[in-house]
Amino acid sequence: MKKFLIFLVTILAFVAVAQETQPATTVVAEVNGTLITMDELDREVNLNRLLVQIQSIDERFYEVLTSTSEGMNLLLRYKREILNGLIDQVLIIQIAEKMNITVSKEAIEKMVSDELNKTLTQYSMTESDLDWYLKQAGLGDLESFKDRLRWIFSVQQTVSSIQQQITSAATITEEEAKQFYEENKEYFTIEEGVKLLRIIVDSKDKANQVLDRIRSGEDFSQVASDVSIDPLTKGKAGDLGWVERNSGLIAADVEEKLFASPKGAMLGPLQTSGGWEIYRILDKRPKGYEAFEDVAKDIYQYLTQQKAQQLWQDWITQQFIPFKNSSDIKIYLLTEEGESSK
């Protein structure tokens, strides 16, 4: 515990230096009139937690970061990158307002409450416990924890709402789906195949008994359930399903006989390394393509996703980036050279 407290004091002292001794209310950026304070930035940076993680991974790198001017500059650059992301988040909120998109405060509060309860349950803590831990670790307090959750969920829900509005036009016509099908038929190739039932037993005598039962009128599937030792089909009443040529599921010489036989034929007993095998050919298909009707659902889903992604990318390049470029953004956070940057 003593070692931890010494470490905590060291971290807090370093963070105070890294913040250039600026108070929490210091404005570090201004985005179209919206202020971003040092307190809000620190909440996003969470430098204490980052340094603890770095120390647990690489003690030497941690020492460089916390005891050299080069390390200090690197952390300041990192802080600036986090600020850039925070500015983008503010811009997202602002452009959403221009689009008449708002997020329900009640919904956000419920998300915060659910996430808080999840955290408390996971670590068997009370709110008072969490508040104490956050303060001791220099991570703010319970209210600042909630504020960060509010901001995270607000941005997430805003982005989601914008995406829904932008991508709602991502619809696919039947003509587009069929065109994709015709132009990409290689994706829908079906190899030559046979649909099979199979029984495997361990002796020729048992195989002949199986044949006698089937020829006397017993159902092939029922006999398979009764006597087959085939690990692939015993639990499925002998159903091997569709088997493509050269699949490796069947011995090559047996496969050749099956593909040369007509639908409805029964073959066997055929001796293989696995025992004595008996087959019934339920169906056959030539090499070809899946019917459009069978793959239409997948095509519609794929094309809809592609169009939605394109619409979203177009919105970013044609709407969000121009909005950002035309915005009045002032950055006051000190850089490693000790000068403000804009």
Protein backbone atom coordinates (compact mmCIF):
# COMPACT_ATOMS: atom_id res chain seq x y z
CA MET A 1 0.00 0.00 0.00
CA LYS A 2 2.85 2.41 0.88
CA LYS A 3 4.55 1.73 -2.44
CA PHE A 4 1.27 2.38 -4.25
CA LEU A 5 0.73 5.69 -2.46
CA ILE A 6 4.26 6.83 -3.30
CA PHE A 7 3.65 5.89 -6.92
CA LEU A 8 0.31 7.72 -6.88
CA VAL A 9 1.90 10.89 -5.55
CA THR A 10 4.57 10.68 -8.26
CA ILE A 11 1.94 10.30 -10.96
CA LEU A 12 -0.18 13.17 -9.67
CA ALA A 13 2.85 15.44 -9.44
CA PHE A 14 3.84 14.58 -12.98
CA VAL A 15 0.34 15.13 -14.33
CA ALA A 16 0.28 18.55 -12.72
CA VAL A 17 3.45 19.44 -14.63
CA ALA A 18 2.13 17.91 -17.86
CA GLN A 19 -0.89 20.18 -17.61
CA GLU A 20 1.41 23.19 -17.50
CA THR A 21 -0.20 24.05 -14.12
CA GLN A 22 -3.33 25.24 -15.91
CA PRO A 23 -6.57 25.08 -13.85
CA ALA A 24 -9.41 22.76 -14.82
CA THR A 25 -11.48 25.68 -16.10
CA THR A 26 -8.78 26.83 -18.53
CA VAL A 27 -10.12 26.84 -22.08
CA VAL A 28 -7.95 24.66 -24.32
CA ALA A 29 -10.02 25.03 -27.50
CA GLU A 30 -13.02 26.81 -28.92
CA VAL A 31 -15.20 25.28 -31.65
CA ASN A 32 -17.71 27.64 -33.24
CA GLY A 33 -18.14 29.27 -29.86
CA THR A 34 -18.30 26.01 -27.89
CA LEU A 35 -15.58 25.92 -25.26
CA ILE A 36 -13.51 22.86 -24.38
CA THR A 37 -11.91 23.11 -20.95
CA MET A 38 -8.83 21.48 -19.51
CA ASP A 39 -11.09 19.46 -17.23
CA GLU A 40 -13.01 18.04 -20.22
CA LEU A 41 -9.78 17.27 -22.04
CA ASP A 42 -8.22 15.59 -19.02
CA ARG A 43 -11.31 13.45 -18.67
CA GLU A 44 -10.77 12.18 -22.21
CA VAL A 45 -6.98 11.83 -21.96
CA ASN A 46 -7.12 9.89 -18.66
CA LEU A 47 -3.34 10.22 -18.41
CA ASN A 48 -3.04 8.57 -15.01
CA ARG A 49 -4.57 5.36 -16.26
CA LEU A 50 -2.41 5.43 -19.38
CA LEU A 51 0.80 5.79 -17.37
CA VAL A 52 -0.16 2.96 -15.03
CA GLN A 53 -0.73 0.72 -18.04
CA ILE A 54 2.57 1.75 -19.63
CA GLN A 55 4.50 1.07 -16.42
CA SER A 56 2.99 -2.41 -16.17
CA ILE A 57 4.16 -3.18 -19.71
CA ASP A 58 7.54 -1.43 -19.95
CA GLU A 59 9.20 0.10 -16.88
CA ARG A 60 12.01 1.67 -18.92
CA PHE A 61 9.65 3.43 -21.30
CA TYR A 62 7.65 4.66 -18.32
CA GLU A 63 10.80 6.16 -16.80
CA VAL A 64 11.57 7.97 -20.05
CA LEU A 65 8.07 9.41 -20.21
CA THR A 66 8.01 10.59 -16.62
CA SER A 67 11.57 11.85 -16.13
CA THR A 68 12.73 13.43 -19.41
CA SER A 69 11.75 16.49 -21.41
CA GLU A 70 11.40 14.28 -24.47
CA GLY A 71 8.89 12.12 -22.64
CA MET A 72 7.02 15.20 -21.50
CA ASN A 73 6.80 16.47 -25.08
CA LEU A 74 5.54 13.10 -26.28
CA LEU A 75 2.76 13.13 -23.71
CA LEU A 76 1.84 16.68 -24.70
CA ARG A 77 1.65 15.61 -28.33
CA TYR A 78 -0.57 12.71 -27.28
CA LYS A 79 -2.77 15.11 -25.37
CA ARG A 80 -3.05 17.31 -28.45
CA GLU A 81 -4.16 14.33 -30.55
CA ILE A 82 -6.87 13.53 -28.02
CA LEU A 83 -7.94 17.19 -28.21
CA ASN A 84 -8.20 16.90 -32.00
CA GLY A 85 -10.55 13.96 -31.55
CA LEU A 86 -12.57 15.87 -28.98
CA ILE A 87 -12.91 18.77 -31.41
CA ASP A 88 -14.27 16.38 -34.05
CA GLN A 89 -16.80 15.09 -31.54
CA VAL A 90 -17.98 18.63 -30.80
CA LEU A 91 -18.28 19.25 -34.53
CA ILE A 92 -20.39 16.09 -34.88
CA ILE A 93 -22.79 17.38 -32.23
CA GLN A 94 -22.93 20.77 -33.93
CA ILE A 95 -23.57 19.48 -37.45
CA ALA A 96 -26.26 17.15 -36.06
CA GLU A 97 -28.04 20.18 -34.63
CA LYS A 98 -27.98 21.78 -38.09
CA MET A 99 -29.59 18.56 -39.39
CA ASN A 100 -32.27 18.83 -36.66
CA ILE A 101 -30.95 15.69 -35.03
CA THR A 102 -31.08 15.61 -31.24
CA VAL A 103 -30.49 12.84 -28.76
CA SER A 104 -32.92 12.27 -25.92
CA LYS A 105 -31.41 13.25 -22.58
CA GLU A 106 -33.60 10.64 -20.90
CA ALA A 107 -32.12 7.93 -23.14
CA ILE A 108 -28.59 9.08 -22.35
CA GLU A 109 -29.26 9.10 -18.61
CA LYS A 110 -30.58 5.54 -18.83
CA MET A 111 -27.44 4.45 -20.67
CA VAL A 112 -25.28 6.12 -18.03
CA SER A 113 -27.24 4.46 -15.24
CA ASP A 114 -27.02 1.03 -16.90
CA GLU A 115 -23.28 1.36 -17.51
CA LEU A 116 -22.66 2.57 -13.95
CA ASN A 117 -24.64 -0.34 -12.49
CA LYS A 118 -22.73 -2.74 -14.73
CA THR A 119 -19.42 -1.37 -13.44
CA LEU A 120 -20.51 -1.49 -9.81
CA THR A 121 -21.75 -5.06 -10.20
CA GLN A 122 -18.62 -6.20 -12.01
CA TYR A 123 -16.33 -4.95 -9.24
CA SER A 124 -18.73 -5.48 -6.32
CA MET A 125 -18.60 -1.79 -5.42
CA THR A 126 -21.01 0.85 -4.20
CA GLU A 127 -21.17 4.35 -5.66
CA SER A 128 -19.30 5.60 -2.61
CA ASP A 129 -16.58 2.99 -3.18
CA LEU A 130 -16.18 4.03 -6.80
CA ASP A 131 -16.13 7.73 -5.90
CA TRP A 132 -13.37 7.08 -3.32
CA TYR A 133 -11.33 5.01 -5.77
CA LEU A 134 -11.56 7.61 -8.54
CA LYS A 135 -10.44 10.38 -6.18
CA GLN A 136 -7.56 8.32 -4.79
CA ALA A 137 -6.38 7.44 -8.29
CA GLY A 138 -6.54 11.06 -9.44
CA LEU A 139 -9.24 10.19 -11.96
CA GLY A 140 -11.77 12.76 -10.82
CA ASP A 141 -14.85 11.69 -8.90
CA LEU A 142 -18.09 9.83 -9.49
CA GLU A 143 -19.78 12.83 -11.09
CA SER A 144 -16.93 13.35 -13.55
CA PHE A 145 -17.12 9.63 -14.36
CA LYS A 146 -20.81 10.06 -15.14
CA ASP A 147 -20.10 13.18 -17.20
CA ARG A 148 -17.63 11.29 -19.35
CA LEU A 149 -20.19 8.53 -19.90
CA ARG A 150 -22.79 11.14 -20.85
CA TRP A 151 -20.44 12.61 -23.41
CA ILE A 152 -19.42 9.22 -24.85
CA PHE A 153 -23.02 8.05 -25.21
CA SER A 154 -24.15 11.41 -26.59
CA VAL A 155 -21.55 11.27 -29.35
CA GLN A 156 -22.23 7.60 -30.08
CA GLN A 157 -25.97 8.12 -30.33
CA THR A 158 -25.55 11.26 -32.41
CA VAL A 159 -23.31 9.47 -34.91
CA SER A 160 -25.76 6.58 -35.02
CA SER A 161 -28.69 8.93 -35.68
CA ILE A 162 -26.80 10.73 -38.44
CA GLN A 163 -25.88 7.41 -40.03
CA GLN A 164 -29.49 6.25 -39.95
CA GLN A 165 -30.63 9.43 -41.66
CA ILE A 166 -27.87 9.42 -44.27
CA THR A 167 -28.05 5.71 -45.10
CA SER A 168 -31.85 5.45 -45.16
CA ALA A 169 -31.61 5.96 -48.92
CA ALA A 170 -29.54 2.78 -49.26
CA THR A 171 -32.14 0.71 -51.10
CA ILE A 172 -31.54 -1.84 -53.84
CA THR A 173 -33.85 -2.55 -56.75
CA GLU A 174 -34.45 -6.01 -58.15
CA GLU A 175 -32.77 -4.88 -61.37
CA GLU A 176 -29.59 -3.94 -59.46
CA ALA A 177 -29.60 -7.24 -57.61
CA LYS A 178 -30.03 -9.26 -60.79
CA GLN A 179 -27.32 -7.26 -62.53
CA PHE A 180 -24.92 -8.03 -59.69
CA TYR A 181 -25.87 -11.70 -59.91
CA GLU A 182 -25.20 -11.87 -63.66
CA GLU A 183 -21.92 -9.97 -63.42
CA ASN A 184 -20.59 -12.03 -60.52
CA LYS A 185 -21.84 -15.51 -61.25
CA GLU A 186 -18.51 -17.02 -60.29
CA TYR A 187 -19.43 -16.33 -56.65
CA PHE A 188 -22.51 -18.53 -56.99
CA THR A 189 -20.96 -21.60 -58.60
CA ILE A 190 -22.27 -25.00 -57.56
CA GLU A 191 -20.05 -27.99 -58.09
CA GLU A 192 -21.40 -31.29 -59.35
CA GLY A 193 -22.86 -33.19 -56.43
CA VAL A 194 -24.88 -36.13 -55.18
CA LYS A 195 -27.26 -36.19 -52.21
CA LEU A 196 -26.69 -39.38 -50.23
CA LEU A 197 -27.83 -41.63 -47.45
CA ARG A 198 -25.12 -43.93 -46.07
CA ILE A 199 -24.86 -46.93 -43.79
CA ILE A 200 -21.54 -48.35 -42.59
CA VAL A 201 -21.20 -51.68 -40.79
CA ASP A 202 -18.11 -53.66 -39.78
CA SER A 203 -18.63 -56.91 -41.74
CA LYS A 204 -19.93 -58.12 -45.07
CA ASP A 205 -22.48 -60.37 -43.33
CA LYS A 206 -23.99 -57.40 -41.51
CA ALA A 207 -24.01 -55.45 -44.77
CA ASN A 208 -25.96 -58.24 -46.48
CA GLN A 209 -28.42 -58.27 -43.57
CA VAL A 210 -28.89 -54.53 -44.03
CA LEU A 211 -29.62 -55.04 -47.73
CA ASP A 212 -32.14 -57.77 -46.92
CA ARG A 213 -34.00 -55.46 -44.52
CA ILE A 214 -34.12 -52.61 -47.03
CA ARG A 215 -35.19 -54.84 -49.90
CA SER A 216 -37.93 -56.26 -47.76
CA GLY A 217 -39.39 -52.77 -47.42
CA GLU A 218 -37.76 -51.24 -44.34
CA ASP A 219 -36.89 -47.58 -44.57
CA PHE A 220 -33.20 -46.92 -45.35
CA SER A 221 -33.01 -44.12 -42.76
CA GLN A 222 -34.51 -46.27 -40.02
CA VAL A 223 -32.06 -49.09 -40.73
CA ALA A 224 -29.21 -46.57 -40.65
CA SER A 225 -30.33 -45.35 -37.23
CA ASP A 226 -30.48 -48.95 -35.99
CA VAL A 227 -27.16 -50.39 -37.18
CA SER A 228 -24.83 -47.83 -38.81
CA ILE A 229 -21.46 -47.16 -37.21
CA ASP A 230 -20.81 -44.19 -39.49
CA PRO A 231 -19.69 -41.32 -37.18
CA LEU A 232 -20.84 -38.69 -39.70
CA THR A 233 -24.39 -39.91 -40.25
CA LYS A 234 -25.53 -42.26 -37.46
CA GLY A 235 -27.10 -39.43 -35.50
CA LYS A 236 -28.76 -38.11 -38.67
CA ALA A 237 -30.48 -41.32 -39.84
CA GLY A 238 -27.78 -41.90 -42.45
CA ASP A 239 -28.13 -38.48 -44.08
CA LEU A 240 -24.78 -37.49 -45.60
CA GLY A 241 -26.30 -34.51 -47.42
CA TRP A 242 -24.89 -33.08 -50.64
CA VAL A 243 -21.40 -34.34 -51.46
CA GLU A 244 -19.37 -32.62 -54.15
CA ARG A 245 -16.95 -34.40 -56.41
CA ASN A 246 -13.44 -34.66 -54.91
CA SER A 247 -14.75 -33.60 -51.50
CA GLY A 248 -12.60 -36.17 -49.67
CA LEU A 249 -15.59 -37.47 -47.69
CA ILE A 250 -15.78 -40.63 -49.76
CA ALA A 251 -13.10 -43.01 -51.06
CA ALA A 252 -12.17 -42.09 -54.64
CA ASP A 253 -13.24 -45.42 -56.18
CA VAL A 254 -16.58 -45.33 -54.34
CA GLU A 255 -17.12 -41.71 -55.35
CA GLU A 256 -16.60 -42.58 -58.99
CA LYS A 257 -19.31 -45.25 -58.82
CA LEU A 258 -21.75 -42.89 -57.09
CA PHE A 259 -21.36 -40.09 -59.64
CA ALA A 260 -21.77 -42.62 -62.46
CA SER A 261 -25.04 -44.00 -60.99
CA PRO A 262 -28.56 -42.60 -61.51
CA LYS A 263 -30.77 -40.87 -58.98
CA GLY A 264 -32.60 -43.39 -56.78
CA ALA A 265 -29.93 -46.10 -57.11
CA MET A 266 -28.63 -48.07 -54.14
CA LEU A 267 -24.99 -49.14 -54.14
CA GLY A 268 -23.22 -51.63 -51.91
CA PRO A 269 -21.94 -53.28 -49.99
CA LEU A 270 -18.59 -51.60 -50.89
CA GLN A 271 -15.56 -52.36 -48.75
CA THR A 272 -13.42 -49.42 -47.64
CA SER A 273 -10.97 -48.73 -44.83
CA GLY A 274 -13.92 -47.63 -42.70
CA GLY A 275 -15.95 -50.82 -43.10
CA TRP A 276 -18.68 -52.00 -45.45
CA GLU A 277 -20.67 -49.16 -46.95
CA ILE A 278 -24.13 -48.98 -48.50
CA TYR A 279 -25.46 -45.86 -50.27
CA ARG A 280 -28.73 -44.56 -51.58
CA ILE A 281 -28.63 -41.69 -54.10
CA LEU A 282 -31.45 -39.30 -53.24
CA ASP A 283 -30.66 -36.65 -55.82
CA LYS A 284 -28.02 -35.45 -58.26
CA ARG A 285 -27.06 -32.06 -59.64
CA PRO A 286 -24.73 -30.98 -62.45
CA LYS A 287 -22.11 -28.28 -62.08
CA GLY A 288 -23.81 -24.90 -62.44
CA TYR A 289 -24.97 -21.84 -60.52
CA GLU A 290 -27.28 -21.24 -57.59
CA ALA A 291 -30.60 -19.82 -58.70
CA PHE A 292 -31.02 -16.08 -58.23
CA GLU A 293 -34.03 -16.68 -55.98
CA ASP A 294 -31.86 -18.77 -53.64
CA VAL A 295 -29.20 -16.11 -53.20
CA ALA A 296 -31.28 -12.94 -53.64
CA LYS A 297 -31.50 -12.23 -49.90
CA ASP A 298 -27.71 -12.32 -49.50
CA ILE A 299 -27.24 -10.13 -52.58
CA TYR A 300 -29.71 -7.52 -51.34
CA GLN A 301 -28.01 -7.46 -47.93
CA TYR A 302 -24.52 -7.15 -49.40
CA LEU A 303 -25.45 -4.41 -51.89
CA THR A 304 -27.41 -2.49 -49.26
CA GLN A 305 -24.40 -2.51 -46.93
CA GLN A 306 -22.12 -1.38 -49.77
CA LYS A 307 -24.43 1.47 -50.72
CA ALA A 308 -24.83 2.52 -47.09
CA GLN A 309 -21.06 2.62 -46.62
CA GLN A 310 -20.70 4.72 -49.77
CA LEU A 311 -23.42 7.15 -48.68
CA TRP A 312 -21.74 7.52 -45.29
CA GLN A 313 -18.33 8.09 -46.86
CA ASP A 314 -19.84 10.64 -49.24
CA TRP A 315 -21.43 12.47 -46.31
CA ILE A 316 -18.10 12.65 -44.49
CA THR A 317 -16.22 14.01 -47.52
CA GLN A 318 -18.97 16.25 -48.88
CA GLN A 319 -20.64 17.48 -45.69
CA PHE A 320 -18.63 16.92 -42.51
CA ILE A 321 -15.15 17.81 -43.76
CA PRO A 322 -16.31 21.04 -45.49
CA PHE A 323 -18.22 21.94 -42.29
CA LYS A 324 -15.08 21.34 -40.25
CA ASN A 325 -12.90 23.34 -42.66
CA SER A 326 -15.29 26.29 -42.53
CA SER A 327 -15.65 26.18 -38.74
CA ASP A 328 -14.07 28.68 -36.39
CA ILE A 329 -11.68 26.48 -34.41
CA LYS A 330 -9.20 27.99 -31.96
CA ILE A 331 -6.74 25.79 -30.07
CA TYR A 332 -4.99 27.17 -26.99
CA LEU A 333 -3.32 24.01 -25.68
CA LEU A 334 0.43 24.48 -25.36
CA THR A 335 2.56 22.42 -27.73
CA GLU A 336 5.95 21.02 -26.87
CA GLU A 337 7.50 24.25 -28.13
CA GLY A 338 5.43 26.18 -25.58
CA GLU A 339 3.34 27.93 -28.20
CA SER A 340 -0.39 27.71 -28.80
CA SER A 341 -1.51 26.03 -31.99
CA LYS A 342 -4.49 26.70 -34.24
